[in-house]
């Protein structure tokens, strides 16, 4: 729909950052010998929760991207698509936070509890942010195209905060995934699977966090229109 398409592209770009964040849990390691069995068990608990949430994040991104490509979509259709995508993202981040919280601090790791809590806090914050966006999308007036486009623009402007939170989440996960933690994660088939599907060019979303400048330009275009 004219007026909303550029804004929805920015939403798609912001959503795609989540898939990259999840992959921060699935880095490779060249040294996985002699890792503490307790740490291996901890890594399995965390990694086993990743594939389902990774799939949910990617599906949400794909749904937004599909809506973007269909310029004939009605406000009601866009609202429904975005609302579900935001809810799915919120649920995915909450589930990941719960999995990491439930796993406890990685055993034998310096400041493991602090690093774990930083990840949990960041992921829960992201979950709350997406839940808030869903509420705002649901409240948009779909019967007035101008008002709907304006409301969607306001929502899109908040994706800058989401991008910042996503980067913070990635940093927190990378801080947690150090030394033997990374070795333990590298041994988990579930995390390897996510890493393989994301690094495959055929399965990588067209929009990534690096596309922020494009997203900003799209938002500007929507404002100008």
N, C-alpha and C. Protein backbone atom coordinates (compact mmCIF):
# COMPACT_ATOMS: atom_id res chain seq x y z
N UNK A 1 0.83 -1.19 0.00
CA UNK A 1 0.00 0.00 0.00
C UNK A 1 0.87 1.24 0.00
N UNK A 2 0.55 2.17 -0.85
CA UNK A 2 1.35 3.38 -0.98
C UNK A 2 1.39 4.13 0.34
N UNK A 3 2.57 4.56 0.75
CA UNK A 3 2.72 5.31 1.99
C UNK A 3 3.17 4.47 3.16
N UNK A 4 2.87 3.18 3.11
CA UNK A 4 3.27 2.30 4.21
C UNK A 4 4.40 1.37 3.82
N UNK A 5 4.59 1.13 2.54
CA UNK A 5 5.62 0.19 2.08
C UNK A 5 7.02 0.55 2.56
N UNK A 6 7.49 1.81 2.40
CA UNK A 6 8.84 2.14 2.88
C UNK A 6 8.99 1.95 4.39
N UNK A 7 7.93 2.25 5.13
CA UNK A 7 7.99 2.10 6.58
C UNK A 7 8.07 0.63 6.96
N UNK A 8 7.31 -0.20 6.28
CA UNK A 8 7.35 -1.62 6.58
C UNK A 8 8.72 -2.21 6.27
N UNK A 9 9.44 -1.63 5.30
CA UNK A 9 10.78 -2.09 5.00
C UNK A 9 11.71 -1.83 6.20
N UNK A 10 11.48 -0.71 6.88
CA UNK A 10 12.30 -0.43 8.06
C UNK A 10 11.99 -1.43 9.17
N UNK A 11 10.72 -1.77 9.31
CA UNK A 11 10.35 -2.76 10.31
C UNK A 11 11.01 -4.10 9.99
N UNK A 12 11.04 -4.46 8.71
CA UNK A 12 11.67 -5.72 8.30
C UNK A 12 13.15 -5.72 8.62
N UNK A 13 13.81 -4.58 8.40
CA UNK A 13 15.25 -4.48 8.69
C UNK A 13 15.52 -4.65 10.17
N UNK A 14 14.66 -4.07 10.99
CA UNK A 14 14.84 -4.18 12.44
C UNK A 14 14.62 -5.61 12.92
N UNK A 15 13.60 -6.26 12.35
CA UNK A 15 13.32 -7.63 12.75
C UNK A 15 14.46 -8.57 12.41
N UNK A 16 15.12 -8.33 11.28
CA UNK A 16 16.17 -9.24 10.83
C UNK A 16 17.35 -9.28 11.80
N UNK A 17 17.51 -8.21 12.57
CA UNK A 17 18.60 -8.18 13.53
C UNK A 17 18.49 -9.27 14.58
N UNK A 18 17.25 -9.70 14.87
CA UNK A 18 17.05 -10.74 15.85
C UNK A 18 17.67 -12.06 15.46
N UNK A 19 17.57 -12.39 14.17
CA UNK A 19 18.15 -13.66 13.71
C UNK A 19 19.65 -13.66 13.88
N UNK A 20 20.28 -12.52 13.64
CA UNK A 20 21.72 -12.41 13.80
C UNK A 20 22.09 -12.52 15.27
N UNK A 21 21.27 -11.94 16.14
CA UNK A 21 21.54 -11.99 17.58
C UNK A 21 21.53 -13.43 18.07
N UNK A 22 20.55 -14.21 17.64
CA UNK A 22 20.46 -15.60 18.09
C UNK A 22 21.69 -16.38 17.69
N UNK A 23 22.24 -16.09 16.52
CA UNK A 23 23.41 -16.83 16.04
C UNK A 23 24.65 -16.52 16.87
N UNK A 24 24.59 -15.46 17.67
CA UNK A 24 25.72 -15.18 18.56
C UNK A 24 25.91 -16.34 19.54
N UNK A 25 24.87 -17.13 19.70
CA UNK A 25 24.95 -18.29 20.58
C UNK A 25 25.56 -19.50 19.90
N UNK A 26 25.80 -19.41 18.60
CA UNK A 26 26.21 -20.60 17.87
C UNK A 26 27.56 -20.45 17.18
N UNK A 27 28.47 -19.70 17.79
CA UNK A 27 29.79 -19.52 17.20
C UNK A 27 30.60 -20.80 17.19
N UNK A 28 31.56 -20.87 16.28
CA UNK A 28 32.40 -22.06 16.17
C UNK A 28 33.65 -21.93 17.05
N UNK A 29 34.26 -23.03 17.34
CA UNK A 29 35.48 -23.04 18.13
C UNK A 29 36.39 -24.14 17.61
N UNK A 30 37.68 -23.87 17.62
CA UNK A 30 38.63 -24.86 17.12
C UNK A 30 39.21 -25.71 18.25
N UNK A 31 38.87 -25.38 19.49
CA UNK A 31 39.42 -26.12 20.63
C UNK A 31 38.31 -26.57 21.56
N UNK A 32 37.85 -27.80 21.38
CA UNK A 32 36.77 -28.28 22.22
C UNK A 32 37.16 -29.54 22.97
N UNK A 33 38.46 -29.70 23.26
CA UNK A 33 38.94 -30.87 23.96
C UNK A 33 39.02 -30.58 25.46
N UNK A 34 38.60 -31.55 26.25
CA UNK A 34 38.74 -31.45 27.69
C UNK A 34 37.79 -30.48 28.35
N UNK A 35 36.68 -30.13 27.70
CA UNK A 35 35.72 -29.22 28.30
C UNK A 35 34.99 -29.89 29.45
N UNK A 36 34.76 -29.13 30.52
CA UNK A 36 34.08 -29.63 31.71
C UNK A 36 32.71 -30.22 31.33
N UNK A 37 32.45 -31.49 31.68
CA UNK A 37 31.16 -32.12 31.37
C UNK A 37 29.97 -31.33 31.88
N UNK A 38 30.13 -30.67 33.04
CA UNK A 38 29.04 -29.86 33.58
C UNK A 38 28.75 -28.67 32.67
N UNK A 39 29.80 -28.13 32.08
CA UNK A 39 29.63 -27.00 31.17
C UNK A 39 29.00 -27.48 29.86
N UNK A 40 29.34 -28.69 29.46
CA UNK A 40 28.73 -29.28 28.26
C UNK A 40 27.23 -29.43 28.48
N UNK A 41 26.85 -29.91 29.65
CA UNK A 41 25.43 -30.08 29.98
C UNK A 41 24.72 -28.73 30.00
N UNK A 42 25.40 -27.72 30.53
CA UNK A 42 24.82 -26.37 30.56
C UNK A 42 24.60 -25.87 29.13
N UNK A 43 25.59 -26.05 28.29
CA UNK A 43 25.50 -25.58 26.90
C UNK A 43 24.37 -26.29 26.16
N UNK A 44 24.17 -27.56 26.45
CA UNK A 44 23.09 -28.31 25.79
C UNK A 44 21.74 -27.75 26.17
N UNK A 45 21.58 -27.42 27.45
CA UNK A 45 20.31 -26.85 27.91
C UNK A 45 20.00 -25.55 27.17
N UNK A 46 21.02 -24.72 27.00
CA UNK A 46 20.84 -23.44 26.31
C UNK A 46 20.61 -23.66 24.81
N UNK A 47 21.48 -24.44 24.19
CA UNK A 47 21.42 -24.62 22.74
C UNK A 47 20.16 -25.33 22.26
N UNK A 48 19.66 -26.25 23.06
CA UNK A 48 18.45 -26.97 22.66
C UNK A 48 17.24 -26.05 22.53
N UNK A 49 17.31 -24.88 23.16
CA UNK A 49 16.20 -23.93 23.07
C UNK A 49 16.33 -23.00 21.87
N UNK A 50 17.50 -23.01 21.23
CA UNK A 50 17.78 -22.04 20.17
C UNK A 50 17.05 -22.31 18.85
N UNK A 51 17.08 -23.53 18.28
CA UNK A 51 16.50 -23.72 16.95
C UNK A 51 15.05 -23.28 16.80
N UNK A 52 14.20 -23.62 17.75
CA UNK A 52 12.78 -23.26 17.65
C UNK A 52 12.60 -21.75 17.66
N UNK A 53 13.35 -21.06 18.51
CA UNK A 53 13.21 -19.60 18.58
C UNK A 53 13.85 -18.92 17.36
N UNK A 54 14.94 -19.50 16.87
CA UNK A 54 15.57 -18.98 15.66
C UNK A 54 14.59 -19.08 14.49
N UNK A 55 13.88 -20.21 14.40
CA UNK A 55 12.90 -20.41 13.33
C UNK A 55 11.76 -19.40 13.44
N UNK A 56 11.36 -19.12 14.68
CA UNK A 56 10.27 -18.17 14.90
C UNK A 56 10.69 -16.76 14.49
N UNK A 57 11.91 -16.39 14.81
CA UNK A 57 12.44 -15.08 14.45
C UNK A 57 12.53 -14.94 12.93
N UNK A 58 13.06 -15.97 12.28
CA UNK A 58 13.19 -15.92 10.83
C UNK A 58 11.83 -15.86 10.15
N UNK A 59 10.86 -16.60 10.67
CA UNK A 59 9.52 -16.59 10.09
C UNK A 59 8.88 -15.22 10.23
N UNK A 60 9.11 -14.57 11.35
CA UNK A 60 8.57 -13.23 11.56
C UNK A 60 9.17 -12.26 10.55
N UNK A 61 10.48 -12.36 10.36
CA UNK A 61 11.16 -11.50 9.40
C UNK A 61 10.65 -11.75 7.99
N UNK A 62 10.46 -13.01 7.65
CA UNK A 62 9.98 -13.37 6.31
C UNK A 62 8.56 -12.85 6.08
N UNK A 63 7.73 -12.91 7.11
CA UNK A 63 6.36 -12.43 6.99
C UNK A 63 6.32 -10.94 6.69
N UNK A 64 7.17 -10.18 7.42
CA UNK A 64 7.24 -8.75 7.18
C UNK A 64 7.76 -8.48 5.77
N UNK A 65 8.78 -9.21 5.36
CA UNK A 65 9.37 -9.03 4.03
C UNK A 65 8.35 -9.32 2.93
N UNK A 66 7.53 -10.35 3.16
CA UNK A 66 6.49 -10.70 2.18
C UNK A 66 5.46 -9.59 2.08
N UNK A 67 5.10 -9.03 3.24
CA UNK A 67 4.14 -7.93 3.24
C UNK A 67 4.70 -6.72 2.52
N UNK A 68 6.02 -6.51 2.66
CA UNK A 68 6.68 -5.40 1.99
C UNK A 68 6.60 -5.55 0.48
N UNK A 69 6.79 -6.77 -0.01
CA UNK A 69 6.82 -7.01 -1.45
C UNK A 69 5.45 -6.89 -2.10
N UNK A 70 4.39 -7.02 -1.28
CA UNK A 70 3.03 -6.92 -1.82
C UNK A 70 2.50 -5.51 -1.59
N UNK A 71 2.66 -4.67 -2.60
CA UNK A 71 2.27 -3.26 -2.47
C UNK A 71 0.75 -3.08 -2.46
N UNK A 72 0.00 -4.16 -2.68
CA UNK A 72 -1.46 -4.06 -2.67
C UNK A 72 -2.05 -4.39 -1.31
N UNK A 73 -1.19 -4.72 -0.35
CA UNK A 73 -1.68 -5.09 0.98
C UNK A 73 -2.50 -3.97 1.60
N UNK A 74 -3.61 -4.34 2.21
CA UNK A 74 -4.47 -3.36 2.87
C UNK A 74 -3.91 -3.03 4.25
N UNK A 75 -4.32 -1.90 4.83
CA UNK A 75 -3.87 -1.57 6.19
C UNK A 75 -4.17 -2.69 7.18
N UNK A 76 -5.34 -3.30 7.04
CA UNK A 76 -5.72 -4.38 7.96
C UNK A 76 -4.77 -5.58 7.84
N UNK A 77 -4.37 -5.88 6.60
CA UNK A 77 -3.46 -7.00 6.38
C UNK A 77 -2.08 -6.70 6.96
N UNK A 78 -1.60 -5.50 6.72
CA UNK A 78 -0.30 -5.08 7.26
C UNK A 78 -0.33 -5.11 8.78
N UNK A 79 -1.42 -4.60 9.34
CA UNK A 79 -1.55 -4.60 10.80
C UNK A 79 -1.50 -6.01 11.36
N UNK A 80 -2.23 -6.92 10.75
CA UNK A 80 -2.28 -8.30 11.20
C UNK A 80 -0.90 -8.97 11.10
N UNK A 81 -0.22 -8.72 9.97
CA UNK A 81 1.10 -9.31 9.75
C UNK A 81 2.12 -8.79 10.75
N UNK A 82 2.16 -7.46 10.91
CA UNK A 82 3.12 -6.86 11.83
C UNK A 82 2.84 -7.24 13.27
N UNK A 83 1.56 -7.29 13.62
CA UNK A 83 1.18 -7.64 14.98
C UNK A 83 1.67 -9.05 15.34
N UNK A 84 1.43 -10.00 14.45
CA UNK A 84 1.87 -11.37 14.70
C UNK A 84 3.40 -11.47 14.75
N UNK A 85 4.06 -10.74 13.84
CA UNK A 85 5.52 -10.76 13.82
C UNK A 85 6.09 -10.22 15.12
N UNK A 86 5.54 -9.12 15.60
CA UNK A 86 6.02 -8.54 16.86
C UNK A 86 5.77 -9.49 18.03
N UNK A 87 4.60 -10.13 18.04
CA UNK A 87 4.29 -11.07 19.12
C UNK A 87 5.24 -12.25 19.08
N UNK A 88 5.51 -12.75 17.89
CA UNK A 88 6.42 -13.89 17.76
C UNK A 88 7.83 -13.53 18.20
N UNK A 89 8.27 -12.32 17.85
CA UNK A 89 9.59 -11.88 18.27
C UNK A 89 9.66 -11.76 19.80
N UNK A 90 8.59 -11.20 20.37
CA UNK A 90 8.53 -11.05 21.83
C UNK A 90 8.59 -12.42 22.50
N UNK A 91 7.82 -13.36 21.97
CA UNK A 91 7.79 -14.71 22.55
C UNK A 91 9.15 -15.40 22.42
N UNK A 92 9.80 -15.20 21.27
CA UNK A 92 11.09 -15.86 21.02
C UNK A 92 12.16 -15.36 21.99
N UNK A 93 12.22 -14.05 22.17
CA UNK A 93 13.21 -13.49 23.09
C UNK A 93 12.92 -13.92 24.53
N UNK A 94 11.65 -13.95 24.89
CA UNK A 94 11.28 -14.37 26.25
C UNK A 94 11.67 -15.82 26.49
N UNK A 95 11.44 -16.67 25.47
CA UNK A 95 11.78 -18.08 25.60
C UNK A 95 13.29 -18.28 25.73
N UNK A 96 14.05 -17.52 24.97
CA UNK A 96 15.51 -17.62 25.07
C UNK A 96 15.99 -17.15 26.44
N UNK A 97 15.40 -16.06 26.93
CA UNK A 97 15.77 -15.56 28.24
C UNK A 97 15.45 -16.60 29.32
N UNK A 98 14.30 -17.25 29.18
CA UNK A 98 13.90 -18.26 30.16
C UNK A 98 14.85 -19.46 30.12
N UNK A 99 15.26 -19.85 28.91
CA UNK A 99 16.16 -20.99 28.77
C UNK A 99 17.51 -20.70 29.41
N UNK A 100 18.04 -19.50 29.18
CA UNK A 100 19.34 -19.14 29.74
C UNK A 100 19.24 -18.94 31.25
N UNK A 101 18.12 -18.37 31.68
CA UNK A 101 17.93 -18.19 33.12
C UNK A 101 17.79 -19.55 33.81
N UNK A 102 17.03 -20.45 33.19
CA UNK A 102 16.81 -21.77 33.76
C UNK A 102 18.07 -22.62 33.80
N UNK A 103 18.97 -22.38 32.86
CA UNK A 103 20.21 -23.15 32.81
C UNK A 103 21.13 -22.79 33.97
N UNK A 104 20.94 -21.59 34.53
CA UNK A 104 21.80 -21.14 35.62
C UNK A 104 23.11 -20.58 35.08
N UNK A 105 23.96 -20.17 35.97
CA UNK A 105 25.26 -19.63 35.56
C UNK A 105 26.13 -20.75 35.01
N UNK A 106 26.90 -20.48 33.94
CA UNK A 106 27.79 -21.53 33.41
C UNK A 106 28.80 -21.93 34.47
N UNK A 107 28.88 -23.22 34.80
CA UNK A 107 29.78 -23.67 35.88
C UNK A 107 31.25 -23.45 35.58
N UNK A 108 31.96 -23.01 36.62
CA UNK A 108 33.41 -22.85 36.50
C UNK A 108 33.86 -21.66 35.68
N UNK A 109 32.97 -20.70 35.44
CA UNK A 109 33.31 -19.54 34.61
C UNK A 109 33.38 -18.29 35.48
N UNK A 110 34.46 -17.54 35.36
CA UNK A 110 34.61 -16.30 36.11
C UNK A 110 33.49 -15.33 35.76
N UNK A 111 32.83 -14.80 36.77
CA UNK A 111 31.72 -13.86 36.60
C UNK A 111 30.61 -14.45 35.72
N UNK A 112 30.50 -15.78 35.77
CA UNK A 112 29.49 -16.45 34.95
C UNK A 112 28.07 -16.01 35.27
N UNK A 113 27.77 -15.85 36.56
CA UNK A 113 26.42 -15.46 36.97
C UNK A 113 26.10 -14.04 36.47
N UNK A 114 27.08 -13.15 36.55
CA UNK A 114 26.87 -11.78 36.11
C UNK A 114 26.65 -11.74 34.60
N UNK A 115 27.46 -12.48 33.86
CA UNK A 115 27.32 -12.50 32.41
C UNK A 115 25.99 -13.11 31.99
N UNK A 116 25.61 -14.16 32.70
CA UNK A 116 24.33 -14.80 32.39
C UNK A 116 23.18 -13.83 32.64
N UNK A 117 23.22 -13.13 33.76
CA UNK A 117 22.14 -12.21 34.10
C UNK A 117 22.06 -11.05 33.11
N UNK A 118 23.20 -10.60 32.61
CA UNK A 118 23.20 -9.53 31.61
C UNK A 118 22.46 -9.96 30.35
N UNK A 119 22.68 -11.22 29.95
CA UNK A 119 22.00 -11.75 28.77
C UNK A 119 20.50 -11.85 29.02
N UNK A 120 20.14 -12.41 30.15
CA UNK A 120 18.72 -12.58 30.49
C UNK A 120 18.01 -11.23 30.53
N UNK A 121 18.64 -10.24 31.15
CA UNK A 121 18.05 -8.91 31.26
C UNK A 121 17.84 -8.29 29.88
N UNK A 122 18.85 -8.40 29.02
CA UNK A 122 18.76 -7.82 27.68
C UNK A 122 17.68 -8.50 26.85
N UNK A 123 17.62 -9.82 26.90
CA UNK A 123 16.62 -10.54 26.11
C UNK A 123 15.21 -10.25 26.61
N UNK A 124 15.03 -10.15 27.90
CA UNK A 124 13.71 -9.80 28.44
C UNK A 124 13.31 -8.39 28.06
N UNK A 125 14.29 -7.50 27.99
CA UNK A 125 14.03 -6.12 27.58
C UNK A 125 13.57 -6.08 26.13
N UNK A 126 14.22 -6.86 25.28
CA UNK A 126 13.82 -6.94 23.88
C UNK A 126 12.41 -7.51 23.75
N UNK A 127 12.13 -8.54 24.53
CA UNK A 127 10.80 -9.14 24.51
C UNK A 127 9.73 -8.11 24.86
N UNK A 128 10.00 -7.31 25.89
CA UNK A 128 9.05 -6.28 26.32
C UNK A 128 8.88 -5.20 25.24
N UNK A 129 9.96 -4.86 24.56
CA UNK A 129 9.91 -3.83 23.52
C UNK A 129 9.04 -4.27 22.35
N UNK A 130 9.21 -5.53 21.93
CA UNK A 130 8.39 -6.04 20.83
C UNK A 130 6.93 -6.19 21.24
N UNK A 131 6.69 -6.55 22.49
CA UNK A 131 5.31 -6.65 22.99
C UNK A 131 4.65 -5.27 22.97
N UNK A 132 5.42 -4.25 23.30
CA UNK A 132 4.91 -2.89 23.28
C UNK A 132 4.58 -2.45 21.86
N UNK A 133 5.45 -2.81 20.90
CA UNK A 133 5.19 -2.46 19.50
C UNK A 133 3.93 -3.17 19.00
N UNK A 134 3.71 -4.39 19.43
CA UNK A 134 2.50 -5.11 19.02
C UNK A 134 1.26 -4.35 19.48
N UNK A 135 1.27 -3.89 20.73
CA UNK A 135 0.13 -3.16 21.26
C UNK A 135 -0.13 -1.90 20.43
N UNK A 136 0.95 -1.22 20.03
CA UNK A 136 0.81 0.01 19.26
C UNK A 136 0.31 -0.26 17.85
N UNK A 137 0.77 -1.36 17.25
CA UNK A 137 0.28 -1.73 15.92
C UNK A 137 -1.20 -2.08 15.99
N UNK A 138 -1.58 -2.82 17.02
CA UNK A 138 -2.98 -3.22 17.18
C UNK A 138 -3.91 -2.02 17.36
N UNK A 139 -3.36 -0.93 17.88
CA UNK A 139 -4.18 0.26 18.15
C UNK A 139 -4.31 1.19 16.95
N UNK A 140 -3.62 0.90 15.85
CA UNK A 140 -3.66 1.77 14.67
C UNK A 140 -5.04 1.75 14.00
N UNK A 141 -5.39 2.87 13.40
CA UNK A 141 -6.66 3.01 12.69
C UNK A 141 -6.49 2.52 11.26
N UNK A 142 -7.00 1.35 10.97
CA UNK A 142 -6.84 0.77 9.63
C UNK A 142 -7.87 1.29 8.63
N UNK A 143 -8.84 2.05 9.11
CA UNK A 143 -9.88 2.55 8.21
C UNK A 143 -9.51 3.89 7.58
N UNK A 144 -8.44 4.49 8.09
CA UNK A 144 -7.98 5.77 7.55
C UNK A 144 -6.53 5.58 7.11
N UNK A 145 -6.31 5.53 5.79
CA UNK A 145 -4.97 5.22 5.28
C UNK A 145 -3.92 6.22 5.74
N UNK A 146 -4.27 7.51 5.73
CA UNK A 146 -3.31 8.54 6.13
C UNK A 146 -2.91 8.38 7.59
N UNK A 147 -3.91 8.17 8.45
CA UNK A 147 -3.62 8.00 9.88
C UNK A 147 -2.84 6.71 10.12
N UNK A 148 -3.19 5.68 9.37
CA UNK A 148 -2.50 4.41 9.54
C UNK A 148 -1.03 4.54 9.16
N UNK A 149 -0.76 5.19 8.00
CA UNK A 149 0.62 5.38 7.55
C UNK A 149 1.41 6.22 8.55
N UNK A 150 0.76 7.25 9.10
CA UNK A 150 1.42 8.10 10.08
C UNK A 150 1.73 7.32 11.36
N UNK A 151 0.79 6.50 11.80
CA UNK A 151 1.01 5.71 13.00
C UNK A 151 2.10 4.67 12.80
N UNK A 152 2.13 4.09 11.60
CA UNK A 152 3.16 3.10 11.30
C UNK A 152 4.54 3.76 11.26
N UNK A 153 4.57 5.00 10.78
CA UNK A 153 5.82 5.75 10.76
C UNK A 153 6.33 5.98 12.18
N UNK A 154 5.43 6.30 13.09
CA UNK A 154 5.83 6.51 14.50
C UNK A 154 6.40 5.22 15.08
N UNK A 155 5.77 4.11 14.75
CA UNK A 155 6.25 2.81 15.24
C UNK A 155 7.62 2.50 14.66
N UNK A 156 7.77 2.75 13.35
CA UNK A 156 9.04 2.47 12.68
C UNK A 156 10.18 3.28 13.29
N UNK A 157 9.86 4.49 13.75
CA UNK A 157 10.91 5.34 14.33
C UNK A 157 11.47 4.72 15.61
N UNK A 158 10.71 3.85 16.23
CA UNK A 158 11.16 3.22 17.46
C UNK A 158 12.10 2.04 17.21
N UNK A 159 12.24 1.65 15.94
CA UNK A 159 13.12 0.51 15.64
C UNK A 159 14.58 0.85 15.88
N UNK A 160 14.90 2.14 15.94
CA UNK A 160 16.28 2.52 16.27
C UNK A 160 16.64 1.99 17.64
N UNK A 161 15.69 2.09 18.56
CA UNK A 161 15.90 1.57 19.92
C UNK A 161 16.07 0.06 19.88
N UNK A 162 15.29 -0.60 19.04
CA UNK A 162 15.39 -2.05 18.93
C UNK A 162 16.74 -2.48 18.39
N UNK A 163 17.24 -1.72 17.42
CA UNK A 163 18.56 -2.03 16.86
C UNK A 163 19.64 -1.91 17.93
N UNK A 164 19.51 -0.88 18.78
CA UNK A 164 20.47 -0.68 19.86
C UNK A 164 20.39 -1.83 20.86
N UNK A 165 19.16 -2.24 21.19
CA UNK A 165 18.97 -3.35 22.13
C UNK A 165 19.51 -4.65 21.55
N UNK A 166 19.30 -4.83 20.24
CA UNK A 166 19.80 -6.04 19.58
C UNK A 166 21.32 -6.11 19.65
N UNK A 167 21.97 -4.98 19.43
CA UNK A 167 23.43 -4.93 19.52
C UNK A 167 23.90 -5.21 20.94
N UNK A 168 23.16 -4.69 21.92
CA UNK A 168 23.51 -4.93 23.31
C UNK A 168 23.35 -6.41 23.65
N UNK A 169 22.30 -7.01 23.09
CA UNK A 169 22.08 -8.43 23.31
C UNK A 169 23.19 -9.28 22.73
N UNK A 170 23.62 -8.91 21.52
CA UNK A 170 24.72 -9.63 20.88
C UNK A 170 25.99 -9.50 21.70
N UNK A 171 26.26 -8.29 22.19
CA UNK A 171 27.46 -8.06 23.00
C UNK A 171 27.41 -8.87 24.29
N UNK A 172 26.23 -8.94 24.92
CA UNK A 172 26.08 -9.69 26.16
C UNK A 172 26.29 -11.19 25.92
N UNK A 173 25.74 -11.68 24.80
CA UNK A 173 25.91 -13.09 24.47
C UNK A 173 27.37 -13.42 24.17
N UNK A 174 28.04 -12.52 23.47
CA UNK A 174 29.45 -12.75 23.16
C UNK A 174 30.31 -12.71 24.41
N UNK A 175 29.91 -11.87 25.39
CA UNK A 175 30.65 -11.82 26.65
C UNK A 175 30.45 -13.11 27.44
N UNK A 176 29.24 -13.67 27.33
CA UNK A 176 28.97 -14.94 28.01
C UNK A 176 29.70 -16.08 27.33
N UNK A 177 29.78 -15.99 26.01
CA UNK A 177 30.39 -17.07 25.23
C UNK A 177 31.89 -16.84 25.08
N UNK A 178 32.61 -17.11 26.15
CA UNK A 178 34.06 -16.94 26.14
C UNK A 178 34.73 -18.23 26.61
N UNK A 179 35.94 -18.48 26.13
CA UNK A 179 36.73 -19.61 26.60
C UNK A 179 36.01 -20.94 26.48
N UNK A 180 35.91 -21.66 27.61
CA UNK A 180 35.31 -22.99 27.59
C UNK A 180 33.82 -22.95 27.30
N UNK A 181 33.17 -21.82 27.56
CA UNK A 181 31.75 -21.71 27.24
C UNK A 181 31.58 -21.82 25.73
N UNK A 182 32.43 -21.14 25.00
CA UNK A 182 32.37 -21.20 23.54
C UNK A 182 32.68 -22.60 23.05
N UNK A 183 33.65 -23.25 23.69
CA UNK A 183 33.99 -24.63 23.32
C UNK A 183 32.80 -25.56 23.54
N UNK A 184 32.13 -25.39 24.67
CA UNK A 184 30.99 -26.24 25.00
C UNK A 184 29.84 -26.03 24.03
N UNK A 185 29.58 -24.77 23.69
CA UNK A 185 28.50 -24.45 22.75
C UNK A 185 28.81 -25.01 21.37
N UNK A 186 30.10 -24.95 20.99
CA UNK A 186 30.51 -25.42 19.67
C UNK A 186 30.28 -26.91 19.49
N UNK A 187 30.17 -27.64 20.60
CA UNK A 187 29.96 -29.08 20.53
C UNK A 187 28.49 -29.46 20.38
N UNK A 188 27.60 -28.49 20.54
CA UNK A 188 26.17 -28.79 20.53
C UNK A 188 25.59 -28.81 19.12
N UNK A 189 24.97 -29.92 18.76
CA UNK A 189 24.39 -30.07 17.42
C UNK A 189 23.33 -29.02 17.13
N UNK A 190 22.54 -28.65 18.15
CA UNK A 190 21.45 -27.69 17.94
C UNK A 190 21.99 -26.31 17.57
N UNK A 191 23.07 -25.89 18.23
CA UNK A 191 23.66 -24.59 17.90
C UNK A 191 24.39 -24.65 16.56
N UNK A 192 25.01 -25.79 16.26
CA UNK A 192 25.68 -25.95 14.97
C UNK A 192 24.67 -25.83 13.84
N UNK A 193 23.48 -26.39 14.04
CA UNK A 193 22.44 -26.36 13.01
C UNK A 193 22.02 -24.94 12.70
N UNK A 194 21.83 -24.14 13.75
CA UNK A 194 21.43 -22.75 13.55
C UNK A 194 22.53 -21.98 12.83
N UNK A 195 23.77 -22.20 13.24
CA UNK A 195 24.90 -21.52 12.62
C UNK A 195 25.00 -21.86 11.14
N UNK A 196 24.80 -23.14 10.79
CA UNK A 196 24.91 -23.59 9.41
C UNK A 196 23.83 -22.97 8.52
N UNK A 197 22.59 -22.92 9.02
CA UNK A 197 21.50 -22.39 8.20
C UNK A 197 21.59 -20.89 8.04
N UNK A 198 22.19 -20.21 9.01
CA UNK A 198 22.29 -18.76 8.93
C UNK A 198 23.46 -18.32 8.05
N UNK A 199 24.53 -19.10 8.03
CA UNK A 199 25.68 -18.73 7.21
C UNK A 199 25.51 -19.17 5.77
N UNK A 200 24.45 -19.95 5.49
CA UNK A 200 24.16 -20.35 4.12
C UNK A 200 23.60 -19.14 3.39
N UNK A 201 24.25 -18.65 2.31
CA UNK A 201 23.78 -17.47 1.60
C UNK A 201 22.34 -17.58 1.15
N UNK A 202 21.90 -18.80 0.85
CA UNK A 202 20.54 -18.98 0.36
C UNK A 202 19.51 -18.75 1.44
N UNK A 203 19.94 -18.85 2.71
CA UNK A 203 18.97 -18.71 3.80
C UNK A 203 19.16 -17.43 4.60
N UNK A 204 20.09 -16.59 4.19
CA UNK A 204 20.35 -15.35 4.92
C UNK A 204 19.39 -14.26 4.48
N UNK A 205 18.67 -13.60 5.42
CA UNK A 205 17.73 -12.55 5.06
C UNK A 205 18.43 -11.43 4.31
N UNK A 206 17.70 -10.81 3.41
CA UNK A 206 18.28 -9.73 2.63
C UNK A 206 18.59 -8.53 3.50
N UNK A 207 17.78 -8.34 4.55
CA UNK A 207 17.99 -7.20 5.44
C UNK A 207 18.76 -7.64 6.67
N UNK A 208 19.76 -6.88 7.07
CA UNK A 208 20.55 -7.18 8.25
C UNK A 208 20.71 -5.91 9.05
N UNK A 209 21.27 -5.99 10.28
CA UNK A 209 21.48 -4.78 11.05
C UNK A 209 22.30 -3.74 10.29
N UNK A 210 23.14 -4.21 9.37
CA UNK A 210 23.96 -3.28 8.61
C UNK A 210 23.14 -2.45 7.65
N UNK A 211 21.87 -2.84 7.46
CA UNK A 211 21.04 -2.11 6.51
C UNK A 211 20.34 -0.92 7.16
N UNK A 212 20.84 -0.50 8.31
CA UNK A 212 20.21 0.62 9.01
C UNK A 212 20.10 1.87 8.19
N UNK A 213 21.14 2.16 7.38
CA UNK A 213 21.09 3.37 6.57
C UNK A 213 19.97 3.28 5.54
N UNK A 214 19.77 2.08 4.97
CA UNK A 214 18.70 1.88 4.01
C UNK A 214 17.36 2.04 4.70
N UNK A 215 17.27 1.49 5.91
CA UNK A 215 16.02 1.61 6.66
C UNK A 215 15.69 3.06 6.95
N UNK A 216 16.69 3.82 7.34
CA UNK A 216 16.47 5.24 7.63
C UNK A 216 16.01 5.98 6.38
N UNK A 217 16.62 5.63 5.27
CA UNK A 217 16.25 6.29 4.01
C UNK A 217 14.81 5.95 3.65
N UNK A 218 14.41 4.70 3.92
CA UNK A 218 13.05 4.28 3.62
C UNK A 218 12.04 5.04 4.48
N UNK A 219 12.41 5.20 5.76
CA UNK A 219 11.54 5.94 6.66
C UNK A 219 11.40 7.38 6.22
N UNK A 220 12.50 7.96 5.77
CA UNK A 220 12.49 9.34 5.29
C UNK A 220 11.61 9.47 4.07
N UNK A 221 11.69 8.45 3.20
CA UNK A 221 10.87 8.47 2.00
C UNK A 221 9.39 8.41 2.34
N UNK A 222 9.07 7.61 3.36
CA UNK A 222 7.68 7.49 3.78
C UNK A 222 7.18 8.82 4.35
N UNK A 223 8.04 9.48 5.12
CA UNK A 223 7.67 10.77 5.69
C UNK A 223 7.43 11.80 4.58
N UNK A 224 8.33 11.76 3.59
CA UNK A 224 8.20 12.70 2.49
C UNK A 224 6.93 12.46 1.69
N UNK A 225 6.51 11.16 1.64
CA UNK A 225 5.32 10.83 0.86
C UNK A 225 4.06 11.19 1.62
